[in-house]
Amino acid sequence: EFEFDYRNLPHMQPEDVAAPIRRHIAEMLEP
C-alpha cells in the first residue's frame, strides 16, 4: 500500500492526474 498527494493549481482538477494513473494501471500494470 502507498499514498500520494496532488497539490493542484486552481485551474486544474484531480482527474487531470487520476485519469492517466488509472489508465496506466488498467492498460499496463494489471495485464
Full PDB file with SEQRES, HELIX, SHEET, SSBOND, CRYST1, ORIGX, SCALE, CONECT and MASTER records, all heavy atoms in Angstrom:
SEQRES   1 A   31  GLU PHE GLU PHE ASP TYR ARG ASN LEU PRO HIS MET GLN          
SEQRES   2 A   31  PRO GLU ASP VAL ALA ALA PRO ILE ARG ARG HIS ILE ALA          
SEQRES   3 A   31  GLU MET LEU GLU PRO                                          
HELIX    1 AA1 GLU A   15  HIS A   24  1                                  10    
HELIX    2 AA2 ILE A   25  LEU A   29  3                                   5    
CRYST1    1.000    1.000    1.000  90.00  90.00  90.00 P 1           1          
ORIGX1      1.000000  0.000000  0.000000        0.00000                         
ORIGX2      0.000000  1.000000  0.000000        0.00000                         
ORIGX3      0.000000  0.000000  1.000000        0.00000                         
SCALE1      1.000000  0.000000  0.000000        0.00000                         
SCALE2      0.000000  1.000000  0.000000        0.00000                         
SCALE3      0.000000  0.000000  1.000000        0.00000                         
ATOM      1  N   GLU A   1       0.842  -1.188   0.000  1.00  0.00           N  
ATOM      2  CA  GLU A   1       0.000   0.000   0.000  1.00  0.00           C  
ATOM      3  C   GLU A   1       0.884   1.246   0.000  1.00  0.00           C  
ATOM      4  O   GLU A   1       1.917   1.276   0.660  1.00  0.00           O  
ATOM      5  CB  GLU A   1      -0.910   0.031   1.227  1.00  0.00           C  
ATOM      6  CG  GLU A   1      -1.851  -1.146   1.340  1.00  0.00           C  
ATOM      7  CD  GLU A   1      -2.731  -1.062   2.582  1.00  0.00           C  
ATOM      8  OE1 GLU A   1      -2.517  -0.132   3.404  1.00  0.00           O  
ATOM      9  OE2 GLU A   1      -3.612  -1.912   2.728  1.00  0.00           O  
ATOM     10  N   PHE A   2       0.454   2.260  -0.725  1.00  0.00           N  
ATOM     11  CA  PHE A   2       1.130   3.549  -0.640  1.00  0.00           C  
ATOM     12  C   PHE A   2       0.122   4.668  -0.872  1.00  0.00           C  
ATOM     13  O   PHE A   2      -0.965   4.457  -1.404  1.00  0.00           O  
ATOM     14  CB  PHE A   2       2.298   3.637  -1.632  1.00  0.00           C  
ATOM     15  CG  PHE A   2       1.912   3.676  -3.085  1.00  0.00           C  
ATOM     16  CD1 PHE A   2       1.709   4.881  -3.743  1.00  0.00           C  
ATOM     17  CD2 PHE A   2       1.772   2.495  -3.811  1.00  0.00           C  
ATOM     18  CE1 PHE A   2       1.366   4.914  -5.090  1.00  0.00           C  
ATOM     19  CE2 PHE A   2       1.436   2.519  -5.159  1.00  0.00           C  
ATOM     20  CZ  PHE A   2       1.233   3.734  -5.795  1.00  0.00           C  
ATOM     21  N   GLU A   3       0.502   5.860  -0.439  1.00  0.00           N  
ATOM     22  CA  GLU A   3      -0.356   7.027  -0.583  1.00  0.00           C  
ATOM     23  C   GLU A   3       0.425   8.154  -1.242  1.00  0.00           C  
ATOM     24  O   GLU A   3       1.616   8.334  -0.984  1.00  0.00           O  
ATOM     25  CB  GLU A   3      -0.905   7.480   0.772  1.00  0.00           C  
ATOM     26  CG  GLU A   3      -1.805   6.445   1.441  1.00  0.00           C  
ATOM     27  CD  GLU A   3      -2.400   6.943   2.743  1.00  0.00           C  
ATOM     28  OE1 GLU A   3      -2.635   8.166   2.871  1.00  0.00           O  
ATOM     29  OE2 GLU A   3      -2.624   6.109   3.645  1.00  0.00           O  
ATOM     30  N   PHE A   4      -0.259   8.895  -2.096  1.00  0.00           N  
ATOM     31  CA  PHE A   4       0.364  10.058  -2.725  1.00  0.00           C  
ATOM     32  C   PHE A   4      -0.602  11.227  -2.693  1.00  0.00           C  
ATOM     33  O   PHE A   4      -1.816  11.052  -2.531  1.00  0.00           O  
ATOM     34  CB  PHE A   4       0.801   9.742  -4.161  1.00  0.00           C  
ATOM     35  CG  PHE A   4      -0.319   9.470  -5.137  1.00  0.00           C  
ATOM     36  CD1 PHE A   4      -0.858  10.491  -5.911  1.00  0.00           C  
ATOM     37  CD2 PHE A   4      -0.808   8.177  -5.302  1.00  0.00           C  
ATOM     38  CE1 PHE A   4      -1.870  10.234  -6.821  1.00  0.00           C  
ATOM     39  CE2 PHE A   4      -1.820   7.903  -6.213  1.00  0.00           C  
ATOM     40  CZ  PHE A   4      -2.350   8.940  -6.979  1.00  0.00           C  
ATOM     41  N   ASP A   5      -0.037  12.426  -2.791  1.00  0.00           N  
ATOM     42  CA  ASP A   5      -0.913  13.594  -2.810  1.00  0.00           C  
ATOM     43  C   ASP A   5      -0.660  14.446  -4.038  1.00  0.00           C  
ATOM     44  O   ASP A   5       0.422  14.434  -4.634  1.00  0.00           O  
ATOM     45  CB  ASP A   5      -0.837  14.400  -1.506  1.00  0.00           C  
ATOM     46  CG  ASP A   5       0.305  15.410  -1.446  1.00  0.00           C  
ATOM     47  OD1 ASP A   5       1.133  15.460  -2.363  1.00  0.00           O  
ATOM     48  OD2 ASP A   5       0.362  16.139  -0.453  1.00  0.00           O  
ATOM     49  N   TYR A   6      -1.705  15.154  -4.418  1.00  0.00           N  
ATOM     50  CA  TYR A   6      -1.722  16.005  -5.600  1.00  0.00           C  
ATOM     51  C   TYR A   6      -2.117  17.399  -5.144  1.00  0.00           C  
ATOM     52  O   TYR A   6      -3.201  17.592  -4.586  1.00  0.00           O  
ATOM     53  CB  TYR A   6      -2.731  15.453  -6.607  1.00  0.00           C  
ATOM     54  CG  TYR A   6      -3.018  16.338  -7.801  1.00  0.00           C  
ATOM     55  CD1 TYR A   6      -1.992  16.817  -8.611  1.00  0.00           C  
ATOM     56  CD2 TYR A   6      -4.329  16.656  -8.136  1.00  0.00           C  
ATOM     57  CE1 TYR A   6      -2.269  17.610  -9.718  1.00  0.00           C  
ATOM     58  CE2 TYR A   6      -4.623  17.441  -9.247  1.00  0.00           C  
ATOM     59  CZ  TYR A   6      -3.585  17.916 -10.031  1.00  0.00           C  
ATOM     60  OH  TYR A   6      -3.863  18.696 -11.127  1.00  0.00           O  
ATOM     61  N   ARG A   7      -1.223  18.363  -5.337  1.00  0.00           N  
ATOM     62  CA  ARG A   7      -1.485  19.757  -4.990  1.00  0.00           C  
ATOM     63  C   ARG A   7      -1.704  20.515  -6.291  1.00  0.00           C  
ATOM     64  O   ARG A   7      -0.761  20.798  -7.025  1.00  0.00           O  
ATOM     65  CB  ARG A   7      -0.304  20.352  -4.223  1.00  0.00           C  
ATOM     66  CG  ARG A   7       0.121  19.553  -2.997  1.00  0.00           C  
ATOM     67  CD  ARG A   7      -0.691  19.908  -1.792  1.00  0.00           C  
ATOM     68  NE  ARG A   7      -0.334  19.111  -0.628  1.00  0.00           N  
ATOM     69  CZ  ARG A   7      -0.378  19.546   0.627  1.00  0.00           C  
ATOM     70  NH1 ARG A   7      -0.761  20.791   0.866  1.00  0.00           N  
ATOM     71  NH2 ARG A   7      -0.068  18.747   1.632  1.00  0.00           N  
ATOM     72  N   ASN A   8      -2.956  20.818  -6.584  1.00  0.00           N  
ATOM     73  CA  ASN A   8      -3.288  21.348  -7.899  1.00  0.00           C  
ATOM     74  C   ASN A   8      -3.455  22.853  -7.903  1.00  0.00           C  
ATOM     75  O   ASN A   8      -3.999  23.450  -6.966  1.00  0.00           O  
ATOM     76  CB  ASN A   8      -4.575  20.704  -8.425  1.00  0.00           C  
ATOM     77  CG  ASN A   8      -5.780  21.002  -7.564  1.00  0.00           C  
ATOM     78  OD1 ASN A   8      -5.820  20.607  -6.402  1.00  0.00           O  
ATOM     79  ND2 ASN A   8      -6.774  21.687  -8.118  1.00  0.00           N  
ATOM     80  N   LEU A   9      -2.965  23.470  -8.970  1.00  0.00           N  
ATOM     81  CA  LEU A   9      -3.281  24.859  -9.230  1.00  0.00           C  
ATOM     82  C   LEU A   9      -4.795  24.990  -9.431  1.00  0.00           C  
ATOM     83  O   LEU A   9      -5.456  24.031  -9.848  1.00  0.00           O  
ATOM     84  CB  LEU A   9      -2.543  25.349 -10.480  1.00  0.00           C  
ATOM     85  CG  LEU A   9      -1.018  25.444 -10.377  1.00  0.00           C  
ATOM     86  CD1 LEU A   9      -0.421  25.711 -11.748  1.00  0.00           C  
ATOM     87  CD2 LEU A   9      -0.602  26.521  -9.391  1.00  0.00           C  
ATOM     88  N   PRO A  10      -5.357  26.160  -9.125  1.00  0.00           N  
ATOM     89  CA  PRO A  10      -6.819  26.295  -9.178  1.00  0.00           C  
ATOM     90  C   PRO A  10      -7.460  25.933 -10.508  1.00  0.00           C  
ATOM     91  O   PRO A  10      -8.615  25.477 -10.534  1.00  0.00           O  
ATOM     92  CB  PRO A  10      -7.032  27.781  -8.843  1.00  0.00           C  
ATOM     93  CG  PRO A  10      -5.875  28.135  -7.982  1.00  0.00           C  
ATOM     94  CD  PRO A  10      -4.724  27.366  -8.552  1.00  0.00           C  
ATOM     95  N   HIS A  11      -6.746  26.106 -11.626  1.00  0.00           N  
ATOM     96  CA  HIS A  11      -7.377  25.823 -12.920  1.00  0.00           C  
ATOM     97  C   HIS A  11      -7.292  24.344 -13.292  1.00  0.00           C  
ATOM     98  O   HIS A  11      -7.817  23.948 -14.332  1.00  0.00           O  
ATOM     99  CB  HIS A  11      -6.731  26.663 -14.030  1.00  0.00           C  
ATOM    100  CG  HIS A  11      -5.310  26.291 -14.324  1.00  0.00           C  
ATOM    101  ND1 HIS A  11      -4.248  26.797 -13.607  1.00  0.00           N  
ATOM    102  CD2 HIS A  11      -4.772  25.467 -15.255  1.00  0.00           C  
ATOM    103  CE1 HIS A  11      -3.120  26.313 -14.093  1.00  0.00           C  
ATOM    104  NE2 HIS A  11      -3.402  25.496 -15.095  1.00  0.00           N  
ATOM    105  N   MET A  12      -6.671  23.527 -12.439  1.00  0.00           N  
ATOM    106  CA  MET A  12      -6.566  22.092 -12.720  1.00  0.00           C  
ATOM    107  C   MET A  12      -7.451  21.296 -11.769  1.00  0.00           C  
ATOM    108  O   MET A  12      -7.836  21.777 -10.698  1.00  0.00           O  
ATOM    109  CB  MET A  12      -5.107  21.638 -12.632  1.00  0.00           C  
ATOM    110  CG  MET A  12      -4.210  22.303 -13.658  1.00  0.00           C  
ATOM    111  SD  MET A  12      -2.534  21.634 -13.662  1.00  0.00           S  
ATOM    112  CE  MET A  12      -2.839  19.963 -14.282  1.00  0.00           C  
ATOM    113  N   GLN A  13      -7.750  20.060 -12.166  1.00  0.00           N  
ATOM    114  CA  GLN A  13      -8.675  19.216 -11.415  1.00  0.00           C  
ATOM    115  C   GLN A  13      -8.008  17.893 -11.032  1.00  0.00           C  
ATOM    116  O   GLN A  13      -7.017  17.485 -11.660  1.00  0.00           O  
ATOM    117  CB  GLN A  13      -9.932  18.934 -12.245  1.00  0.00           C  
ATOM    118  CG  GLN A  13     -10.697  20.179 -12.653  1.00  0.00           C  
ATOM    119  CD  GLN A  13     -11.184  20.982 -11.467  1.00  0.00           C  
ATOM    120  OE1 GLN A  13     -11.613  20.415 -10.461  1.00  0.00           O  
ATOM    121  NE2 GLN A  13     -11.119  22.297 -11.569  1.00  0.00           N  
ATOM    122  N   PRO A  14      -8.555  17.178 -10.040  1.00  0.00           N  
ATOM    123  CA  PRO A  14      -7.974  15.879  -9.651  1.00  0.00           C  
ATOM    124  C   PRO A  14      -7.902  14.885 -10.796  1.00  0.00           C  
ATOM    125  O   PRO A  14      -6.941  14.122 -10.907  1.00  0.00           O  
ATOM    126  CB  PRO A  14      -8.915  15.389  -8.553  1.00  0.00           C  
ATOM    127  CG  PRO A  14      -9.547  16.616  -8.011  1.00  0.00           C  
ATOM    128  CD  PRO A  14      -9.658  17.573  -9.148  1.00  0.00           C  
ATOM    129  N   GLU A  15      -8.907  14.903 -11.672  1.00  0.00           N  
ATOM    130  CA  GLU A  15      -8.927  13.941 -12.765  1.00  0.00           C  
ATOM    131  C   GLU A  15      -7.803  14.156 -13.775  1.00  0.00           C  
ATOM    132  O   GLU A  15      -7.498  13.265 -14.561  1.00  0.00           O  
ATOM    133  CB  GLU A  15     -10.283  13.964 -13.468  1.00  0.00           C  
ATOM    134  CG  GLU A  15     -11.359  13.174 -12.749  1.00  0.00           C  
ATOM    135  CD  GLU A  15     -10.957  11.715 -12.550  1.00  0.00           C  
ATOM    136  OE1 GLU A  15     -10.738  11.014 -13.551  1.00  0.00           O  
ATOM    137  OE2 GLU A  15     -10.858  11.286 -11.379  1.00  0.00           O  
ATOM    138  N   ASP A  16      -7.197  15.331 -13.734  1.00  0.00           N  
ATOM    139  CA  ASP A  16      -6.080  15.579 -14.643  1.00  0.00           C  
ATOM    140  C   ASP A  16      -4.925  14.614 -14.396  1.00  0.00           C  
ATOM    141  O   ASP A  16      -4.137  14.326 -15.316  1.00  0.00           O  
ATOM    142  CB  ASP A  16      -5.580  17.024 -14.495  1.00  0.00           C  
ATOM    143  CG  ASP A  16      -6.593  18.037 -14.995  1.00  0.00           C  
ATOM    144  OD1 ASP A  16      -7.420  17.679 -15.843  1.00  0.00           O  
ATOM    145  OD2 ASP A  16      -6.552  19.192 -14.523  1.00  0.00           O  
ATOM    146  N   VAL A  17      -4.802  14.132 -13.162  1.00  0.00           N  
ATOM    147  CA  VAL A  17      -3.769  13.137 -12.874  1.00  0.00           C  
ATOM    148  C   VAL A  17      -4.374  11.767 -12.569  1.00  0.00           C  
ATOM    149  O   VAL A  17      -3.771  10.735 -12.880  1.00  0.00           O  
ATOM    150  CB  VAL A  17      -2.852  13.579 -11.711  1.00  0.00           C  
ATOM    151  CG1 VAL A  17      -2.091  14.839 -12.068  1.00  0.00           C  
ATOM    152  CG2 VAL A  17      -3.629  13.758 -10.420  1.00  0.00           C  
ATOM    153  N   ALA A  18      -5.549  11.748 -11.964  1.00  0.00           N  
ATOM    154  CA  ALA A  18      -6.153  10.462 -11.597  1.00  0.00           C  
ATOM    155  C   ALA A  18      -6.476   9.631 -12.829  1.00  0.00           C  
ATOM    156  O   ALA A  18      -6.264   8.410 -12.840  1.00  0.00           O  
ATOM    157  CB  ALA A  18      -7.409  10.681 -10.751  1.00  0.00           C  
ATOM    158  N   ALA A  19      -6.975  10.276 -13.876  1.00  0.00           N  
ATOM    159  CA  ALA A  19      -7.357   9.533 -15.080  1.00  0.00           C  
ATOM    160  C   ALA A  19      -6.167   8.841 -15.744  1.00  0.00           C  
ATOM    161  O   ALA A  19      -6.236   7.636 -16.050  1.00  0.00           O  
ATOM    162  CB  ALA A  19      -8.076  10.458 -16.064  1.00  0.00           C  
ATOM    163  N   PRO A  20      -5.050   9.529 -15.993  1.00  0.00           N  
ATOM    164  CA  PRO A  20      -3.911   8.813 -16.604  1.00  0.00           C  
ATOM    165  C   PRO A  20      -3.320   7.741 -15.703  1.00  0.00           C  
ATOM    166  O   PRO A  20      -2.830   6.721 -16.201  1.00  0.00           O  
ATOM    167  CB  PRO A  20      -2.904   9.928 -16.894  1.00  0.00           C  
ATOM    168  CG  PRO A  20      -3.319  11.080 -16.075  1.00  0.00           C  
ATOM    169  CD  PRO A  20      -4.791  10.976 -15.920  1.00  0.00           C  
ATOM    170  N   ILE A  21      -3.361   7.942 -14.402  1.00  0.00           N  
ATOM    171  CA  ILE A  21      -2.852   6.904 -13.493  1.00  0.00           C  
ATOM    172  C   ILE A  21      -3.725   5.664 -13.577  1.00  0.00           C  
ATOM    173  O   ILE A  21      -3.224   4.529 -13.655  1.00  0.00           O  
ATOM    174  CB  ILE A  21      -2.775   7.434 -12.051  1.00  0.00           C  
ATOM    175  CG1 ILE A  21      -1.698   8.520 -11.933  1.00  0.00           C  
ATOM    176  CG2 ILE A  21      -2.454   6.297 -11.077  1.00  0.00           C  
ATOM    177  CD1 ILE A  21      -1.671   9.222 -10.596  1.00  0.00           C  
ATOM    178  N   ARG A  22      -5.039   5.851 -13.602  1.00  0.00           N  
ATOM    179  CA  ARG A  22      -5.941   4.691 -13.710  1.00  0.00           C  
ATOM    180  C   ARG A  22      -5.748   3.978 -15.057  1.00  0.00           C  
ATOM    181  O   ARG A  22      -5.811   2.744 -15.117  1.00  0.00           O  
ATOM    182  CB  ARG A  22      -7.389   5.148 -13.532  1.00  0.00           C  
ATOM    183  CG  ARG A  22      -7.733   5.578 -12.111  1.00  0.00           C  
ATOM    184  CD  ARG A  22      -9.245   5.686 -11.922  1.00  0.00           C  
ATOM    185  NE  ARG A  22      -9.579   6.061 -10.561  1.00  0.00           N  
ATOM    186  CZ  ARG A  22      -9.841   7.308 -10.169  1.00  0.00           C  
ATOM    187  NH1 ARG A  22      -9.809   8.293 -11.054  1.00  0.00           N  
ATOM    188  NH2 ARG A  22     -10.135   7.571  -8.906  1.00  0.00           N  
ATOM    189  N   ARG A  23      -5.536   4.751 -16.118  1.00  0.00           N  
ATOM    190  CA  ARG A  23      -5.303   4.121 -17.420  1.00  0.00           C  
ATOM    191  C   ARG A  23      -4.014   3.306 -17.401  1.00  0.00           C  
ATOM    192  O   ARG A  23      -3.961   2.199 -17.951  1.00  0.00           O  
ATOM    193  CB  ARG A  23      -5.236   5.187 -18.523  1.00  0.00           C  
ATOM    194  CG  ARG A  23      -6.571   5.721 -18.976  1.00  0.00           C  
ATOM    195  CD  ARG A  23      -6.464   6.422 -20.325  1.00  0.00           C  
ATOM    196  NE  ARG A  23      -5.523   7.537 -20.285  1.00  0.00           N  
ATOM    197  CZ  ARG A  23      -5.858   8.781 -19.949  1.00  0.00           C  
ATOM    198  NH1 ARG A  23      -7.107   9.066 -19.622  1.00  0.00           N  
ATOM    199  NH2 ARG A  23      -4.942   9.740 -19.960  1.00  0.00           N  
ATOM    200  N   HIS A  24      -2.984   3.845 -16.776  1.00  0.00           N  
ATOM    201  CA  HIS A  24      -1.712   3.126 -16.698  1.00  0.00           C  
ATOM    202  C   HIS A  24      -1.890   1.820 -15.923  1.00  0.00           C  
ATOM    203  O   HIS A  24      -1.332   0.777 -16.307  1.00  0.00           O  
ATOM    204  CB  HIS A  24      -0.661   4.003 -16.031  1.00  0.00           C  
ATOM    205  CG  HIS A  24       0.718   3.426 -16.060  1.00  0.00           C  
ATOM    206  ND1 HIS A  24       1.484   3.365 -17.199  1.00  0.00           N  
ATOM    207  CD2 HIS A  24       1.469   2.841 -15.073  1.00  0.00           C  
ATOM    208  CE1 HIS A  24       2.647   2.793 -16.931  1.00  0.00           C  
ATOM    209  NE2 HIS A  24       2.659   2.465 -15.653  1.00  0.00           N  
ATOM    210  N   ILE A  25      -2.672   1.867 -14.882  1.00  0.00           N  
ATOM    211  CA  ILE A  25      -2.949   0.654 -14.111  1.00  0.00           C  
ATOM    212  C   ILE A  25      -3.671  -0.374 -14.974  1.00  0.00           C  
ATOM    213  O   ILE A  25      -3.291  -1.551 -15.031  1.00  0.00           O  
ATOM    214  CB  ILE A  25      -3.782   0.999 -12.858  1.00  0.00           C  
ATOM    215  CG1 ILE A  25      -2.941   1.797 -11.849  1.00  0.00           C  
ATOM    216  CG2 ILE A  25      -4.327  -0.274 -12.206  1.00  0.00           C  
ATOM    217  CD1 ILE A  25      -3.748   2.359 -10.688  1.00  0.00           C  
ATOM    218  N   ALA A  26      -4.741   0.080 -15.633  1.00  0.00           N  
ATOM    219  CA  ALA A  26      -5.604  -0.841 -16.381  1.00  0.00           C  
ATOM    220  C   ALA A  26      -4.948  -1.365 -17.652  1.00  0.00           C  
ATOM    221  O   ALA A  26      -5.158  -2.525 -18.043  1.00  0.00           O  
ATOM    222  CB  ALA A  26      -6.924  -0.147 -16.714  1.00  0.00           C  
ATOM    223  N   GLU A  27      -4.158  -0.531 -18.311  1.00  0.00           N  
ATOM    224  CA  GLU A  27      -3.628  -0.907 -19.619  1.00  0.00           C  
ATOM    225  C   GLU A  27      -2.216  -1.491 -19.566  1.00  0.00           C  
ATOM    226  O   GLU A  27      -1.833  -2.258 -20.455  1.00  0.00           O  
ATOM    227  CB  GLU A  27      -3.645   0.312 -20.546  1.00  0.00           C  
ATOM    228  CG  GLU A  27      -5.049   0.841 -20.820  1.00  0.00           C  
ATOM    229  CD  GLU A  27      -5.035   2.124 -21.635  1.00  0.00           C  
ATOM    230  OE1 GLU A  27      -3.933   2.532 -22.066  1.00  0.00           O  
ATOM    231  OE2 GLU A  27      -6.121   2.714 -21.838  1.00  0.00           O  
ATOM    232  N   MET A  28      -1.453  -1.153 -18.533  1.00  0.00           N  
ATOM    233  CA  MET A  28      -0.059  -1.586 -18.486  1.00  0.00           C  
ATOM    234  C   MET A  28       0.232  -2.557 -17.338  1.00  0.00           C  
ATOM    235  O   MET A  28       0.774  -3.656 -17.578  1.00  0.00           O  
ATOM    236  CB  MET A  28       0.858  -0.357 -18.363  1.00  0.00           C  
ATOM    237  CG  MET A  28       0.793   0.589 -19.532  1.00  0.00           C  
ATOM    238  SD  MET A  28       1.388  -0.179 -21.075  1.00  0.00           S  
ATOM    239  CE  MET A  28       3.098  -0.471 -20.648  1.00  0.00           C  
ATOM    240  N   LEU A  29      -0.143  -2.195 -16.131  1.00  0.00           N  
ATOM    241  CA  LEU A  29       0.304  -2.973 -14.976  1.00  0.00           C  
ATOM    242  C   LEU A  29      -0.564  -4.194 -14.706  1.00  0.00           C  
ATOM    243  O   LEU A  29      -0.054  -5.308 -14.536  1.00  0.00           O  
ATOM    244  CB  LEU A  29       0.366  -2.074 -13.731  1.00  0.00           C  
ATOM    245  CG  LEU A  29       1.330  -0.886 -13.832  1.00  0.00           C  
ATOM    246  CD1 LEU A  29       1.340  -0.101 -12.523  1.00  0.00           C  
ATOM    247  CD2 LEU A  29       2.736  -1.350 -14.185  1.00  0.00           C  
ATOM    248  N   GLU A  30      -1.874  -3.998 -14.649  1.00  0.00           N  
ATOM    249  CA  GLU A  30      -2.742  -5.139 -14.324  1.00  0.00           C  
ATOM    250  C   GLU A  30      -2.651  -6.267 -15.349  1.00  0.00           C  
ATOM    251  O   GLU A  30      -2.676  -7.452 -14.941  1.00  0.00           O  
ATOM    252  CB  GLU A  30      -4.186  -4.663 -14.132  1.00  0.00           C  
ATOM    253  CG  GLU A  30      -4.409  -3.938 -12.814  1.00  0.00           C  
ATOM    254  CD  GLU A  30      -5.861  -3.599 -12.557  1.00  0.00           C  
ATOM    255  OE1 GLU A  30      -6.630  -3.438 -13.546  1.00  0.00           O  
ATOM    256  OE2 GLU A  30      -6.242  -3.485 -11.385  1.00  0.00           O  
ATOM    257  N   PRO A  31      -2.551  -5.994 -16.650  1.00  0.00           N  
ATOM    258  CA  PRO A  31      -2.394  -7.117 -17.585  1.00  0.00           C  
ATOM    259  C   PRO A  31      -1.148  -7.952 -17.302  1.00  0.00           C  
ATOM    260  O   PRO A  31      -1.191  -9.191 -17.413  1.00  0.00           O  
ATOM    261  CB  PRO A  31      -2.308  -6.420 -18.947  1.00  0.00           C  
ATOM    262  CG  PRO A  31      -3.077  -5.159 -18.778  1.00  0.00           C  
ATOM    263  CD  PRO A  31      -2.766  -4.729 -17.376  1.00  0.00           C  
TER     264      PRO A  31                                                      
MASTER        0    0    0    2    0    0    0    6  263    1    0    3          
END                                                                             
